[in-house]
Amino acid sequence: MASPRTITIVALSVALGLFFVFMGTIKLTPRLSRDAYNEMKRAYKSYVRALPMLKKMGVSSILLRKSIGALEVACGIVMTLVPGRPKDVANFLLLLLVLAVLFFHQLVGDPLKRYAHALVFGILLTCRLLIARQPEEQLPEKRILSVNGDEQPLIHEAAPEKGKMKVS
């Protein structure tokens, strides 16, 4: 049976991956929701206007939106389908992306209700990354000492520690 830690990581990976595939797709095409796509276009125009440095670097709102959308889709697919270390890399990239989006929302003065989802998914990404980076707990091995053909637990395992009561 899979450990609760493994189940949690898999559930978070799939849920977060699908969410970011969905959100990235909305940024790239109006096929899923024309209203959401138009809202993304408007929002990214305000982000570029609020950060003139992007315009000086030649980054248009279209390029910014499509780059972020493509990165979300790619990382979302990795989070959903690819096993192992690439999930952690995708998780970290999405976390950086969420922080950048939160920065953009603060920059243009959006109310909390406009970016609350980014906060929630940023927290979920952080939790998934922390759980995944923790080492797997292993049960202590019971060591047995063989004396004259009789197997006995080692002394320090058989007797309770000094000052501690053994409860059965």
N, C-alpha and C. Protein backbone atom coordinates (compact mmCIF):
# COMPACT_ATOMS: atom_id res chain seq x y z
N MET A 1 0.84 -1.18 0.00
CA MET A 1 0.00 0.00 0.00
C MET A 1 0.88 1.24 0.00
N ALA A 2 0.45 2.25 -0.72
CA ALA A 2 1.22 3.49 -0.79
C ALA A 2 1.10 4.26 0.52
N SER A 3 2.16 4.96 0.85
CA SER A 3 2.17 5.73 2.10
C SER A 3 1.31 6.98 1.94
N PRO A 4 0.82 7.53 3.04
CA PRO A 4 0.04 8.77 2.97
C PRO A 4 0.83 9.90 2.31
N ARG A 5 2.13 9.92 2.53
CA ARG A 5 2.98 10.94 1.92
C ARG A 5 2.95 10.83 0.40
N THR A 6 3.05 9.61 -0.12
CA THR A 6 3.03 9.38 -1.56
C THR A 6 1.68 9.76 -2.15
N ILE A 7 0.61 9.38 -1.48
CA ILE A 7 -0.73 9.71 -1.95
C ILE A 7 -0.92 11.22 -2.00
N THR A 8 -0.44 11.91 -0.98
CA THR A 8 -0.55 13.37 -0.93
C THR A 8 0.21 14.01 -2.07
N ILE A 9 1.43 13.56 -2.31
CA ILE A 9 2.25 14.14 -3.38
C ILE A 9 1.60 13.91 -4.74
N VAL A 10 1.11 12.69 -4.97
CA VAL A 10 0.48 12.38 -6.25
C VAL A 10 -0.79 13.21 -6.44
N ALA A 11 -1.61 13.29 -5.40
CA ALA A 11 -2.86 14.06 -5.51
C ALA A 11 -2.57 15.54 -5.77
N LEU A 12 -1.64 16.11 -5.04
CA LEU A 12 -1.29 17.52 -5.26
C LEU A 12 -0.68 17.73 -6.64
N SER A 13 0.17 16.81 -7.07
CA SER A 13 0.81 16.94 -8.38
C SER A 13 -0.22 16.95 -9.51
N VAL A 14 -1.15 16.00 -9.46
CA VAL A 14 -2.17 15.91 -10.51
C VAL A 14 -3.09 17.12 -10.48
N ALA A 15 -3.58 17.48 -9.30
CA ALA A 15 -4.50 18.62 -9.19
C ALA A 15 -3.83 19.92 -9.64
N LEU A 16 -2.62 20.17 -9.15
CA LEU A 16 -1.92 21.40 -9.53
C LEU A 16 -1.55 21.39 -11.01
N GLY A 17 -1.11 20.24 -11.50
CA GLY A 17 -0.75 20.13 -12.91
C GLY A 17 -1.93 20.45 -13.81
N LEU A 18 -3.08 19.86 -13.53
CA LEU A 18 -4.27 20.10 -14.35
C LEU A 18 -4.71 21.57 -14.27
N PHE A 19 -4.63 22.14 -13.07
CA PHE A 19 -5.00 23.56 -12.93
C PHE A 19 -4.12 24.44 -13.80
N PHE A 20 -2.80 24.20 -13.77
CA PHE A 20 -1.91 25.06 -14.54
C PHE A 20 -2.00 24.80 -16.04
N VAL A 21 -2.32 23.58 -16.44
CA VAL A 21 -2.58 23.32 -17.87
C VAL A 21 -3.81 24.13 -18.30
N PHE A 22 -4.84 24.11 -17.48
CA PHE A 22 -6.07 24.85 -17.79
C PHE A 22 -5.81 26.36 -17.85
N MET A 23 -5.14 26.89 -16.83
CA MET A 23 -4.89 28.34 -16.81
C MET A 23 -3.96 28.78 -17.93
N GLY A 24 -2.94 27.98 -18.22
CA GLY A 24 -2.04 28.30 -19.31
C GLY A 24 -2.75 28.28 -20.66
N THR A 25 -3.65 27.33 -20.83
CA THR A 25 -4.41 27.24 -22.08
C THR A 25 -5.31 28.46 -22.25
N ILE A 26 -5.90 28.93 -21.17
CA ILE A 26 -6.73 30.14 -21.25
C ILE A 26 -5.90 31.34 -21.70
N LYS A 27 -4.64 31.41 -21.27
CA LYS A 27 -3.77 32.52 -21.67
C LYS A 27 -3.37 32.41 -23.14
N LEU A 28 -3.38 31.20 -23.68
CA LEU A 28 -2.90 30.98 -25.04
C LEU A 28 -4.00 31.03 -26.10
N THR A 29 -5.20 30.61 -25.75
CA THR A 29 -6.26 30.51 -26.77
C THR A 29 -7.63 30.82 -26.17
N PRO A 30 -8.53 31.40 -26.98
CA PRO A 30 -9.88 31.68 -26.49
C PRO A 30 -10.83 30.48 -26.59
N ARG A 31 -10.33 29.32 -26.98
CA ARG A 31 -11.21 28.16 -27.21
C ARG A 31 -11.92 27.68 -25.95
N LEU A 32 -11.27 27.73 -24.81
CA LEU A 32 -11.92 27.27 -23.58
C LEU A 32 -12.91 28.29 -23.04
N SER A 33 -12.51 29.55 -23.02
CA SER A 33 -13.38 30.62 -22.52
C SER A 33 -12.96 31.95 -23.13
N ARG A 34 -13.81 32.47 -24.01
CA ARG A 34 -13.49 33.73 -24.67
C ARG A 34 -13.42 34.88 -23.66
N ASP A 35 -14.32 34.88 -22.69
CA ASP A 35 -14.32 35.95 -21.67
C ASP A 35 -13.04 35.94 -20.84
N ALA A 36 -12.63 34.74 -20.39
CA ALA A 36 -11.40 34.64 -19.58
C ALA A 36 -10.18 35.01 -20.42
N TYR A 37 -10.17 34.62 -21.68
CA TYR A 37 -9.06 34.96 -22.57
C TYR A 37 -8.95 36.48 -22.74
N ASN A 38 -10.09 37.13 -22.97
CA ASN A 38 -10.09 38.60 -23.13
C ASN A 38 -9.67 39.29 -21.83
N GLU A 39 -10.07 38.73 -20.69
CA GLU A 39 -9.67 39.29 -19.40
C GLU A 39 -8.16 39.16 -19.20
N MET A 40 -7.59 38.02 -19.63
CA MET A 40 -6.13 37.83 -19.54
C MET A 40 -5.41 38.84 -20.42
N LYS A 41 -5.92 39.05 -21.61
CA LYS A 41 -5.29 40.03 -22.52
C LYS A 41 -5.28 41.41 -21.88
N ARG A 42 -6.40 41.80 -21.29
CA ARG A 42 -6.49 43.11 -20.65
C ARG A 42 -5.54 43.21 -19.46
N ALA A 43 -5.49 42.16 -18.67
CA ALA A 43 -4.64 42.17 -17.47
C ALA A 43 -3.17 42.29 -17.86
N TYR A 44 -2.73 41.53 -18.84
CA TYR A 44 -1.32 41.56 -19.22
C TYR A 44 -0.93 42.88 -19.86
N LYS A 45 -1.88 43.56 -20.51
CA LYS A 45 -1.59 44.90 -21.03
C LYS A 45 -1.33 45.86 -19.86
N SER A 46 -2.11 45.72 -18.79
CA SER A 46 -1.90 46.60 -17.64
C SER A 46 -0.58 46.28 -16.94
N TYR A 47 -0.16 45.00 -16.94
CA TYR A 47 1.12 44.64 -16.32
C TYR A 47 2.28 45.28 -17.07
N VAL A 48 2.23 45.23 -18.38
CA VAL A 48 3.33 45.80 -19.18
C VAL A 48 3.34 47.32 -19.05
N ARG A 49 2.16 47.93 -18.99
CA ARG A 49 2.10 49.39 -18.80
C ARG A 49 2.67 49.80 -17.44
N ALA A 50 2.43 48.98 -16.42
CA ALA A 50 2.90 49.30 -15.07
C ALA A 50 4.40 49.04 -14.90
N LEU A 51 4.98 48.27 -15.79
CA LEU A 51 6.40 47.95 -15.70
C LEU A 51 7.09 48.36 -17.00
N PRO A 52 7.44 49.66 -17.14
CA PRO A 52 8.01 50.15 -18.40
C PRO A 52 9.33 49.45 -18.78
N MET A 53 9.99 48.85 -17.80
CA MET A 53 11.24 48.14 -18.09
C MET A 53 11.00 47.01 -19.10
N LEU A 54 9.83 46.37 -19.01
CA LEU A 54 9.51 45.30 -19.95
C LEU A 54 9.41 45.84 -21.38
N LYS A 55 8.78 46.98 -21.49
CA LYS A 55 8.62 47.59 -22.82
C LYS A 55 9.98 47.97 -23.40
N LYS A 56 10.88 48.49 -22.55
CA LYS A 56 12.22 48.84 -23.01
C LYS A 56 12.99 47.62 -23.48
N MET A 57 12.71 46.45 -22.85
CA MET A 57 13.39 45.22 -23.24
C MET A 57 12.74 44.58 -24.47
N GLY A 58 11.68 45.17 -24.96
CA GLY A 58 11.00 44.63 -26.14
C GLY A 58 9.99 43.55 -25.83
N VAL A 59 9.56 43.46 -24.58
CA VAL A 59 8.57 42.45 -24.19
C VAL A 59 7.19 43.08 -24.27
N SER A 60 6.39 42.60 -25.19
CA SER A 60 5.02 43.10 -25.33
C SER A 60 4.10 42.30 -24.41
N SER A 61 2.88 42.79 -24.26
CA SER A 61 1.92 42.08 -23.41
C SER A 61 1.58 40.71 -24.01
N ILE A 62 1.56 40.63 -25.33
CA ILE A 62 1.28 39.37 -26.00
C ILE A 62 2.38 38.36 -25.73
N LEU A 63 3.63 38.79 -25.86
CA LEU A 63 4.77 37.90 -25.62
C LEU A 63 4.80 37.45 -24.15
N LEU A 64 4.56 38.37 -23.23
CA LEU A 64 4.55 38.03 -21.81
C LEU A 64 3.45 37.02 -21.49
N ARG A 65 2.24 37.28 -21.98
CA ARG A 65 1.10 36.39 -21.73
C ARG A 65 1.33 35.01 -22.33
N LYS A 66 1.80 34.97 -23.56
CA LYS A 66 2.01 33.67 -24.22
C LYS A 66 3.18 32.91 -23.61
N SER A 67 4.21 33.62 -23.18
CA SER A 67 5.35 32.95 -22.53
C SER A 67 4.92 32.33 -21.21
N ILE A 68 4.20 33.11 -20.41
CA ILE A 68 3.73 32.59 -19.13
C ILE A 68 2.75 31.45 -19.34
N GLY A 69 1.85 31.60 -20.31
CA GLY A 69 0.89 30.53 -20.60
C GLY A 69 1.57 29.25 -21.05
N ALA A 70 2.56 29.36 -21.94
CA ALA A 70 3.28 28.18 -22.42
C ALA A 70 4.05 27.51 -21.29
N LEU A 71 4.67 28.31 -20.43
CA LEU A 71 5.40 27.75 -19.28
C LEU A 71 4.45 27.04 -18.33
N GLU A 72 3.27 27.62 -18.11
CA GLU A 72 2.27 26.98 -17.24
C GLU A 72 1.81 25.65 -17.82
N VAL A 73 1.54 25.62 -19.13
CA VAL A 73 1.10 24.37 -19.76
C VAL A 73 2.19 23.31 -19.68
N ALA A 74 3.42 23.69 -20.02
CA ALA A 74 4.53 22.73 -20.00
C ALA A 74 4.77 22.19 -18.59
N CYS A 75 4.85 23.07 -17.61
CA CYS A 75 5.08 22.63 -16.23
C CYS A 75 3.88 21.84 -15.70
N GLY A 76 2.68 22.22 -16.10
CA GLY A 76 1.48 21.49 -15.68
C GLY A 76 1.47 20.06 -16.22
N ILE A 77 1.90 19.90 -17.46
CA ILE A 77 1.99 18.55 -18.04
C ILE A 77 3.03 17.72 -17.30
N VAL A 78 4.16 18.33 -17.01
CA VAL A 78 5.21 17.62 -16.26
C VAL A 78 4.69 17.23 -14.88
N MET A 79 4.02 18.15 -14.20
CA MET A 79 3.50 17.87 -12.86
C MET A 79 2.48 16.73 -12.89
N THR A 80 1.72 16.64 -13.98
CA THR A 80 0.67 15.63 -14.07
C THR A 80 1.19 14.27 -14.51
N LEU A 81 2.11 14.25 -15.48
CA LEU A 81 2.45 12.99 -16.15
C LEU A 81 3.86 12.45 -15.92
N VAL A 82 4.82 13.31 -15.66
CA VAL A 82 6.22 12.88 -15.62
C VAL A 82 6.61 12.52 -14.19
N PRO A 83 7.16 11.32 -13.97
CA PRO A 83 7.56 10.94 -12.62
C PRO A 83 8.94 11.47 -12.24
N GLY A 84 9.22 11.48 -10.94
CA GLY A 84 10.58 11.77 -10.47
C GLY A 84 10.90 13.23 -10.27
N ARG A 85 12.19 13.52 -10.36
CA ARG A 85 12.74 14.85 -10.09
C ARG A 85 12.18 15.96 -10.99
N PRO A 86 11.83 15.69 -12.27
CA PRO A 86 11.28 16.78 -13.09
C PRO A 86 10.04 17.43 -12.48
N LYS A 87 9.26 16.67 -11.70
CA LYS A 87 8.10 17.27 -11.04
C LYS A 87 8.52 18.37 -10.07
N ASP A 88 9.60 18.13 -9.34
CA ASP A 88 10.08 19.13 -8.40
C ASP A 88 10.57 20.38 -9.12
N VAL A 89 11.22 20.18 -10.25
CA VAL A 89 11.70 21.32 -11.05
C VAL A 89 10.50 22.11 -11.58
N ALA A 90 9.50 21.41 -12.12
CA ALA A 90 8.29 22.08 -12.61
C ALA A 90 7.58 22.80 -11.47
N ASN A 91 7.51 22.17 -10.31
CA ASN A 91 6.91 22.76 -9.13
C ASN A 91 7.61 24.07 -8.77
N PHE A 92 8.93 24.04 -8.76
CA PHE A 92 9.71 25.23 -8.42
C PHE A 92 9.49 26.34 -9.45
N LEU A 93 9.49 26.00 -10.74
CA LEU A 93 9.26 27.01 -11.79
C LEU A 93 7.87 27.62 -11.66
N LEU A 94 6.87 26.79 -11.39
CA LEU A 94 5.52 27.32 -11.21
C LEU A 94 5.43 28.21 -9.98
N LEU A 95 6.15 27.86 -8.93
CA LEU A 95 6.16 28.70 -7.72
C LEU A 95 6.77 30.07 -8.04
N LEU A 96 7.86 30.09 -8.79
CA LEU A 96 8.46 31.37 -9.21
C LEU A 96 7.48 32.17 -10.07
N LEU A 97 6.78 31.47 -10.94
CA LEU A 97 5.81 32.11 -11.82
C LEU A 97 4.66 32.72 -11.01
N VAL A 98 4.18 31.99 -10.01
CA VAL A 98 3.11 32.50 -9.15
C VAL A 98 3.59 33.74 -8.40
N LEU A 99 4.83 33.71 -7.92
CA LEU A 99 5.37 34.90 -7.24
C LEU A 99 5.44 36.09 -8.18
N ALA A 100 5.82 35.87 -9.42
CA ALA A 100 5.87 36.95 -10.41
C ALA A 100 4.46 37.50 -10.67
N VAL A 101 3.49 36.62 -10.80
CA VAL A 101 2.11 37.05 -11.04
C VAL A 101 1.58 37.83 -9.83
N LEU A 102 1.91 37.37 -8.62
CA LEU A 102 1.50 38.13 -7.43
C LEU A 102 2.13 39.52 -7.42
N PHE A 103 3.38 39.59 -7.86
CA PHE A 103 4.05 40.88 -7.97
C PHE A 103 3.32 41.78 -8.96
N PHE A 104 2.94 41.22 -10.11
CA PHE A 104 2.21 42.01 -11.13
C PHE A 104 0.89 42.52 -10.57
N HIS A 105 0.16 41.65 -9.86
CA HIS A 105 -1.12 42.06 -9.29
C HIS A 105 -0.93 43.21 -8.29
N GLN A 106 0.10 43.12 -7.46
CA GLN A 106 0.37 44.18 -6.49
C GLN A 106 0.77 45.46 -7.20
N LEU A 107 1.53 45.32 -8.27
CA LEU A 107 2.03 46.48 -9.02
C LEU A 107 0.88 47.30 -9.60
N VAL A 108 -0.13 46.63 -10.13
CA VAL A 108 -1.25 47.36 -10.73
C VAL A 108 -2.34 47.68 -9.72
N GLY A 109 -2.18 47.23 -8.48
CA GLY A 109 -3.14 47.57 -7.43
C GLY A 109 -4.44 46.78 -7.49
N ASP A 110 -4.38 45.55 -7.97
CA ASP A 110 -5.59 44.72 -8.01
C ASP A 110 -6.07 44.41 -6.60
N PRO A 111 -7.40 44.30 -6.42
CA PRO A 111 -7.91 43.88 -5.11
C PRO A 111 -7.61 42.40 -4.87
N LEU A 112 -7.67 41.99 -3.61
CA LEU A 112 -7.34 40.63 -3.22
C LEU A 112 -8.16 39.59 -3.97
N LYS A 113 -9.42 39.87 -4.24
CA LYS A 113 -10.26 38.88 -4.91
C LYS A 113 -9.78 38.56 -6.33
N ARG A 114 -8.99 39.45 -6.92
CA ARG A 114 -8.47 39.20 -8.28
C ARG A 114 -7.27 38.26 -8.27
N TYR A 115 -6.57 38.14 -7.13
CA TYR A 115 -5.39 37.28 -7.12
C TYR A 115 -5.38 36.28 -5.97
N ALA A 116 -6.53 36.10 -5.33
CA ALA A 116 -6.62 35.14 -4.22
C ALA A 116 -6.28 33.73 -4.69
N HIS A 117 -6.70 33.38 -5.91
CA HIS A 117 -6.39 32.04 -6.43
C HIS A 117 -4.89 31.83 -6.57
N ALA A 118 -4.18 32.88 -6.95
CA ALA A 118 -2.72 32.77 -7.09
C ALA A 118 -2.08 32.53 -5.71
N LEU A 119 -2.60 33.19 -4.69
CA LEU A 119 -2.09 32.96 -3.33
C LEU A 119 -2.33 31.51 -2.89
N VAL A 120 -3.54 31.02 -3.12
CA VAL A 120 -3.88 29.66 -2.71
C VAL A 120 -3.02 28.63 -3.44
N PHE A 121 -2.88 28.80 -4.75
CA PHE A 121 -2.10 27.83 -5.51
C PHE A 121 -0.60 27.97 -5.23
N GLY A 122 -0.16 29.16 -4.86
CA GLY A 122 1.22 29.32 -4.43
C GLY A 122 1.49 28.57 -3.13
N ILE A 123 0.53 28.63 -2.22
CA ILE A 123 0.66 27.89 -0.96
C ILE A 123 0.64 26.39 -1.23
N LEU A 124 -0.25 25.94 -2.10
CA LEU A 124 -0.30 24.51 -2.44
C LEU A 124 0.99 24.04 -3.10
N LEU A 125 1.55 24.85 -3.99
CA LEU A 125 2.83 24.50 -4.62
C LEU A 125 3.94 24.41 -3.58
N THR A 126 3.94 25.34 -2.64
CA THR A 126 4.94 25.32 -1.57
C THR A 126 4.79 24.06 -0.72
N CYS A 127 3.55 23.72 -0.35
CA CYS A 127 3.31 22.52 0.45
C CYS A 127 3.76 21.27 -0.29
N ARG A 128 3.42 21.16 -1.57
CA ARG A 128 3.81 20.00 -2.35
C ARG A 128 5.32 19.86 -2.42
N LEU A 129 6.00 20.98 -2.62
CA LEU A 129 7.46 20.96 -2.71
C LEU A 129 8.08 20.56 -1.37
N LEU A 130 7.56 21.08 -0.27
CA LEU A 130 8.09 20.74 1.05
C LEU A 130 7.86 19.26 1.38
N ILE A 131 6.68 18.75 1.06
CA ILE A 131 6.40 17.34 1.33
C ILE A 131 7.29 16.45 0.46
N ALA A 132 7.46 16.81 -0.80
CA ALA A 132 8.27 16.00 -1.71
C ALA A 132 9.74 16.00 -1.32
N ARG A 133 10.22 17.07 -0.74
CA ARG A 133 11.64 17.17 -0.40
C ARG A 133 11.97 16.54 0.95
N GLN A 134 10.97 16.15 1.72
CA GLN A 134 11.23 15.50 3.00
C GLN A 134 11.61 14.05 2.76
N PRO A 135 12.59 13.56 3.51
CA PRO A 135 12.97 12.15 3.33
C PRO A 135 11.86 11.22 3.79
N GLU A 136 11.78 10.08 3.14
CA GLU A 136 10.79 9.06 3.49
C GLU A 136 11.13 8.50 4.87
N GLU A 137 10.14 8.38 5.76
CA GLU A 137 10.38 7.80 7.08
C GLU A 137 10.48 6.29 6.93
N GLN A 138 11.49 5.73 7.55
CA GLN A 138 11.65 4.28 7.51
C GLN A 138 11.51 3.74 8.92
N LEU A 139 10.86 2.60 9.01
CA LEU A 139 10.70 1.98 10.32
C LEU A 139 12.06 1.48 10.79
N PRO A 140 12.35 1.62 12.08
CA PRO A 140 13.64 1.13 12.57
C PRO A 140 13.70 -0.39 12.45
N GLU A 141 14.85 -0.88 12.06
CA GLU A 141 15.03 -2.33 11.93
C GLU A 141 15.21 -2.93 13.32
N LYS A 142 14.62 -4.07 13.52
CA LYS A 142 14.78 -4.75 14.80
C LYS A 142 16.00 -5.65 14.67
N ARG A 143 17.00 -5.37 15.46
CA ARG A 143 18.22 -6.16 15.41
C ARG A 143 18.15 -7.28 16.45
N ILE A 144 18.58 -8.45 16.02
CA ILE A 144 18.50 -9.62 16.90
C ILE A 144 19.91 -10.17 17.10
N LEU A 145 20.15 -10.52 18.33
CA LEU A 145 21.44 -11.10 18.70
C LEU A 145 21.22 -12.59 18.93
N SER A 146 22.04 -13.41 18.33
CA SER A 146 21.91 -14.86 18.50
C SER A 146 22.91 -15.31 19.56
N VAL A 147 22.38 -15.84 20.67
CA VAL A 147 23.22 -16.32 21.77
C VAL A 147 22.87 -17.79 22.00
N ASN A 148 23.84 -18.66 21.81
CA ASN A 148 23.65 -20.10 22.02
C ASN A 148 22.42 -20.64 21.29
N GLY A 149 22.19 -20.15 20.08
CA GLY A 149 21.06 -20.64 19.28
C GLY A 149 19.75 -19.96 19.61
N ASP A 150 19.70 -19.14 20.70
CA ASP A 150 18.48 -18.41 21.05
C ASP A 150 18.59 -16.99 20.50
N GLU A 151 17.52 -16.56 19.83
CA GLU A 151 17.52 -15.19 19.31
C GLU A 151 16.93 -14.27 20.36
N GLN A 152 17.65 -13.18 20.64
CA GLN A 152 17.20 -12.22 21.64
C GLN A 152 17.39 -10.82 21.07
N PRO A 153 16.47 -9.92 21.42
CA PRO A 153 16.68 -8.53 20.97
C PRO A 153 17.91 -7.96 21.67
N LEU A 154 18.55 -7.01 21.02
CA LEU A 154 19.71 -6.37 21.63
C LEU A 154 19.31 -5.72 22.95
N ILE A 155 20.26 -5.60 23.85
CA ILE A 155 20.02 -5.12 25.20
C ILE A 155 19.32 -3.76 25.20
N HIS A 156 19.83 -2.81 24.40
CA HIS A 156 19.25 -1.46 24.46
C HIS A 156 17.85 -1.41 23.88
N GLU A 157 17.48 -2.40 23.07
CA GLU A 157 16.12 -2.44 22.55
C GLU A 157 15.18 -3.18 23.49
N ALA A 158 15.71 -4.12 24.25
CA ALA A 158 14.88 -4.93 25.12
C ALA A 158 14.50 -4.18 26.39
N ALA A 159 15.42 -3.43 26.94
CA ALA A 159 15.18 -2.74 28.21
C ALA A 159 14.80 -1.29 27.93
N PRO A 160 13.86 -0.77 28.71
CA PRO A 160 13.54 0.65 28.54
C PRO A 160 14.70 1.51 29.01
N GLU A 161 14.76 2.73 28.46
CA GLU A 161 15.84 3.64 28.84
C GLU A 161 15.69 4.03 30.31
N LYS A 162 16.78 4.38 30.91
CA LYS A 162 16.79 4.76 32.31
C LYS A 162 15.89 5.97 32.51
N GLY A 163 15.03 5.86 33.50
CA GLY A 163 14.13 6.97 33.81
C GLY A 163 12.84 6.94 33.01
N LYS A 164 12.70 5.97 32.09
CA LYS A 164 11.49 5.88 31.29
C LYS A 164 10.78 4.57 31.61
N MET A 165 9.47 4.65 31.64
CA MET A 165 8.69 3.48 31.97
C MET A 165 8.22 2.85 30.66
N LYS A 166 8.31 1.54 30.56
CA LYS A 166 7.86 0.85 29.38
C LYS A 166 6.39 0.53 29.56
N VAL A 167 5.56 0.99 28.63
CA VAL A 167 4.12 0.76 28.71
C VAL A 167 3.75 -0.19 27.59
N SER A 168 2.99 -1.26 27.97
CA SER A 168 2.57 -2.25 26.97
C SER A 168 1.09 -2.18 26.75
